[in-house]
C-alpha atoms as a PDB file:
ATOM      1  CA  UNK A   1       9.762 -13.709  -5.735  1.00  0.00           C
ATOM      2  CA  UNK A   2       7.235 -11.743  -3.982  1.00  0.00           C
ATOM      3  CA  UNK A   3       3.291 -11.498  -3.984  1.00  0.00           C
ATOM      4  CA  UNK A   4       2.356  -8.950  -2.847  1.00  0.00           C
ATOM      5  CA  UNK A   5       0.475  -6.729  -4.302  1.00  0.00           C
ATOM      6  CA  UNK A   6       1.157  -2.939  -6.175  1.00  0.00           C
ATOM      7  CA  UNK A   7      -1.375  -0.175  -5.967  1.00  0.00           C
ATOM      8  CA  UNK A   8      -1.156   3.536  -7.213  1.00  0.00           C
ATOM      9  CA  UNK A   9      -3.999   5.150  -4.975  1.00  0.00           C
ATOM     10  CA  UNK A  10      -4.925   8.555  -4.987  1.00  0.00           C
ATOM     11  CA  UNK A  11      -3.614   9.458  -8.446  1.00  0.00           C
ATOM     12  CA  UNK A  12      -3.779  13.372  -9.764  1.00  0.00           C
ATOM     13  CA  UNK A  13      -1.887  15.105 -11.899  1.00  0.00           C
ATOM     14  CA  UNK A  14      -1.244  19.024 -10.817  1.00  0.00           C
ATOM     15  CA  UNK A  15      -0.537  21.871 -12.827  1.00  0.00           C
ATOM     16  CA  UNK A  16       1.575  24.026 -11.061  1.00  0.00           C
ATOM     17  CA  UNK A  17      -1.004  25.832  -9.319  1.00  0.00           C
ATOM     18  CA  UNK A  18      -3.607  26.782 -11.494  1.00  0.00           C
ATOM     19  CA  UNK A  19      -7.549  27.066 -12.046  1.00  0.00           C
ATOM     20  CA  UNK A  20      -6.750  27.881 -15.403  1.00  0.00           C
ATOM     21  CA  UNK A  21      -3.612  25.362 -17.665  1.00  0.00           C
ATOM     22  CA  UNK A  22      -3.406  26.522 -21.235  1.00  0.00           C
ATOM     23  CA  UNK A  23      -3.545  23.708 -23.363  1.00  0.00           C
ATOM     24  CA  UNK A  24      -0.092  23.225 -23.251  1.00  0.00           C
ATOM     25  CA  UNK A  25      -0.544  21.871 -19.925  1.00  0.00           C
ATOM     26  CA  UNK A  26      -3.662  20.331 -20.008  1.00  0.00           C
ATOM     27  CA  UNK A  27      -1.896  17.800 -22.882  1.00  0.00           C
ATOM     28  CA  UNK A  28       1.115  17.648 -20.621  1.00  0.00           C
ATOM     29  CA  UNK A  29      -2.091  16.274 -17.710  1.00  0.00           C
ATOM     30  CA  UNK A  30      -2.698  13.647 -19.979  1.00  0.00           C
ATOM     31  CA  UNK A  31       0.347  11.994 -21.098  1.00  0.00           C
ATOM     32  CA  UNK A  32       1.354  12.112 -17.875  1.00  0.00           C
ATOM     33  CA  UNK A  33      -1.695  10.330 -17.027  1.00  0.00           C
ATOM     34  CA  UNK A  34      -0.665   8.123 -20.030  1.00  0.00           C
ATOM     35  CA  UNK A  35       2.976   7.576 -19.181  1.00  0.00           C
ATOM     36  CA  UNK A  36       1.706   6.115 -15.374  1.00  0.00           C
ATOM     37  CA  UNK A  37      -1.140   4.228 -16.569  1.00  0.00           C
ATOM     38  CA  UNK A  38       1.285   2.781 -18.951  1.00  0.00           C
ATOM     39  CA  UNK A  39       4.406   2.564 -16.362  1.00  0.00           C
ATOM     40  CA  UNK A  40       2.604   0.414 -13.718  1.00  0.00           C
ATOM     41  CA  UNK A  41       1.272  -2.145 -16.319  1.00  0.00           C
ATOM     42  CA  UNK A  42       4.286  -3.156 -17.859  1.00  0.00           C
ATOM     43  CA  UNK A  43       7.131  -2.797 -14.450  1.00  0.00           C
ATOM     44  CA  UNK A  44       4.659  -4.015 -12.426  1.00  0.00           C
ATOM     45  CA  UNK A  45       4.052  -7.501 -13.187  1.00  0.00           C
ATOM     46  CA  UNK A  46      -0.140  -8.544 -13.432  1.00  0.00           C
ATOM     47  CA  UNK A  47      -0.344 -11.156 -10.422  1.00  0.00           C
ATOM     48  CA  UNK A  48       0.684  -8.125  -8.582  1.00  0.00           C
ATOM     49  CA  UNK A  49      -1.169  -5.595 -10.110  1.00  0.00           C
ATOM     50  CA  UNK A  50      -4.021  -3.806  -7.131  1.00  0.00           C
ATOM     51  CA  UNK A  51      -5.373  -1.367  -9.531  1.00  0.00           C
ATOM     52  CA  UNK A  52      -5.104   2.510  -9.846  1.00  0.00           C
ATOM     53  CA  UNK A  53      -7.635   5.088  -7.988  1.00  0.00           C
ATOM     54  CA  UNK A  54      -7.701   8.660  -8.872  1.00  0.00           C
ATOM     55  CA  UNK A  55      -7.554  10.879  -5.551  1.00  0.00           C
ATOM     56  CA  UNK A  56     -11.036  12.877  -6.640  1.00  0.00           C
ATOM     57  CA  UNK A  57     -12.926  12.835  -9.790  1.00  0.00           C
ATOM     58  CA  UNK A  58     -13.424  17.361 -10.674  1.00  0.00           C
ATOM     59  CA  UNK A  59     -12.118  19.681 -10.338  1.00  0.00           C
ATOM     60  CA  UNK A  60     -15.711  21.296  -8.243  1.00  0.00           C
ATOM     61  CA  UNK A  61     -14.699  23.724  -6.031  1.00  0.00           C
ATOM     62  CA  UNK A  62     -16.593  21.912  -3.672  1.00  0.00           C
ATOM     63  CA  UNK A  63     -13.610  19.105  -4.340  1.00  0.00           C
ATOM     64  CA  UNK A  64     -10.745  21.343  -2.864  1.00  0.00           C
ATOM     65  CA  UNK A  65     -12.374  22.637  -0.749  1.00  0.00           C
ATOM     66  CA  UNK A  66      -9.280  21.749   1.798  1.00  0.00           C
ATOM     67  CA  UNK A  67      -7.179  19.751  -0.078  1.00  0.00           C
ATOM     68  CA  UNK A  68      -5.432  21.483  -3.978  1.00  0.00           C
ATOM     69  CA  UNK A  69      -7.876  25.032  -3.889  1.00  0.00           C
ATOM     70  CA  UNK A  70      -7.153  26.483  -7.070  1.00  0.00           C
ATOM     71  CA  UNK A  71      -5.904  23.678  -8.648  1.00  0.00           C
ATOM     72  CA  UNK A  72      -6.863  21.434 -11.519  1.00  0.00           C
ATOM     73  CA  UNK A  73      -5.394  17.857 -10.349  1.00  0.00           C
ATOM     74  CA  UNK A  74      -7.585  15.623 -12.148  1.00  0.00           C
ATOM     75  CA  UNK A  75      -9.303  13.996 -14.874  1.00  0.00           C
ATOM     76  CA  UNK A  76     -13.005  16.222 -15.160  1.00  0.00           C
ATOM     77  CA  UNK A  77     -13.259  20.369 -15.355  1.00  0.00           C
ATOM     78  CA  UNK A  78     -15.209  21.933 -13.027  1.00  0.00           C
ATOM     79  CA  UNK A  79     -18.020  21.485 -14.496  1.00  0.00           C
ATOM     80  CA  UNK A  80     -18.378  17.538 -15.103  1.00  0.00           C
ATOM     81  CA  UNK A  81     -16.818  18.052 -18.370  1.00  0.00           C
ATOM     82  CA  UNK A  82     -14.423  15.685 -19.002  1.00  0.00           C
ATOM     83  CA  UNK A  83     -10.813  17.349 -19.725  1.00  0.00           C
ATOM     84  CA  UNK A  84      -8.147  16.315 -21.933  1.00  0.00           C
ATOM     85  CA  UNK A  85      -6.381  14.452 -19.441  1.00  0.00           C
ATOM     86  CA  UNK A  86      -9.688  11.905 -19.495  1.00  0.00           C
ATOM     87  CA  UNK A  87      -8.277  11.082 -22.339  1.00  0.00           C
ATOM     88  CA  UNK A  88      -4.505  10.375 -20.622  1.00  0.00           C
ATOM     89  CA  UNK A  89      -6.271   8.118 -19.055  1.00  0.00           C
ATOM     90  CA  UNK A  90      -8.143   6.053 -21.432  1.00  0.00           C
ATOM     91  CA  UNK A  91      -5.304   5.883 -23.308  1.00  0.00           C
ATOM     92  CA  UNK A  92      -3.107   4.316 -20.167  1.00  0.00           C
ATOM     93  CA  UNK A  93      -5.643   1.767 -19.284  1.00  0.00           C
ATOM     94  CA  UNK A  94      -5.611   0.871 -23.643  1.00  0.00           C
ATOM     95  CA  UNK A  95      -2.683   0.885 -24.292  1.00  0.00           C
ATOM     96  CA  UNK A  96      -2.845   2.825 -27.587  1.00  0.00           C
ATOM     97  CA  UNK A  97      -3.787   5.905 -28.619  1.00  0.00           C
ATOM     98  CA  UNK A  98      -8.117   5.257 -28.635  1.00  0.00           C
ATOM     99  CA  UNK A  99      -9.184   7.455 -30.791  1.00  0.00           C
ATOM    100  CA  UNK A 100      -7.053   6.394 -33.674  1.00  0.00           C
ATOM    101  CA  UNK A 101      -9.567   3.750 -34.630  1.00  0.00           C
ATOM    102  CA  UNK A 102     -12.541   5.448 -34.032  1.00  0.00           C
ATOM    103  CA  UNK A 103     -15.560   6.522 -36.793  1.00  0.00           C
ATOM    104  CA  UNK A 104     -18.468   8.280 -34.391  1.00  0.00           C
ATOM    105  CA  UNK A 105     -20.489   5.101 -35.879  1.00  0.00           C
ATOM    106  CA  UNK A 106     -20.763   3.640 -31.917  1.00  0.00           C
ATOM    107  CA  UNK A 107     -22.282   6.881 -31.443  1.00  0.00           C
ATOM    108  CA  UNK A 108     -24.717   7.248 -34.359  1.00  0.00           C
ATOM    109  CA  UNK A 109     -26.174   3.755 -33.524  1.00  0.00           C
ATOM    110  CA  UNK A 110     -26.471   3.985 -30.193  1.00  0.00           C
ATOM    111  CA  UNK A 111     -28.575   7.086 -30.513  1.00  0.00           C
ATOM    112  CA  UNK A 112     -30.515   5.808 -33.275  1.00  0.00           C
ATOM    113  CA  UNK A 113     -31.516   1.952 -31.795  1.00  0.00           C
ATOM    114  CA  UNK A 114     -32.740   4.292 -28.268  1.00  0.00           C
ATOM    115  CA  UNK A 115     -34.953   6.215 -30.993  1.00  0.00           C
ATOM    116  CA  UNK A 116     -36.260   2.648 -32.167  1.00  0.00           C
ATOM    117  CA  UNK A 117     -36.916   1.143 -28.733  1.00  0.00           C
ATOM    118  CA  UNK A 118     -39.949   1.919 -26.879  1.00  0.00           C
ATOM    119  CA  UNK A 119     -40.200   1.676 -23.744  1.00  0.00           C
ATOM    120  CA  UNK A 120     -41.455  -0.935 -21.659  1.00  0.00           C
ATOM    121  CA  UNK A 121     -45.142  -2.326 -20.717  1.00  0.00           C
END
């Protein structure tokens, strides 16, 4: 039995080198992120799982000055909005489609509680 830790480092799922991926390409990217993360959790014994890090945060051009110029491999778009890939990562971590039981009530309740709170004096 080996006790070596296994870590996925610099994970990124690239399109076919395009700055304007189609909806189908975006969904494929999300599906691959989910598959990789679920596969890691399934095939690497829990005692050997060390973590997963992503290559970058967003597709903003400033983050791609020297690497993957004109490509969109990350989970946030150039304006730092969540892409479909973000959900793919979340689904992979959860091991299920996290939107299945989402009603929006958590968000509504959070905003309601913010409105009723008073600032500390």
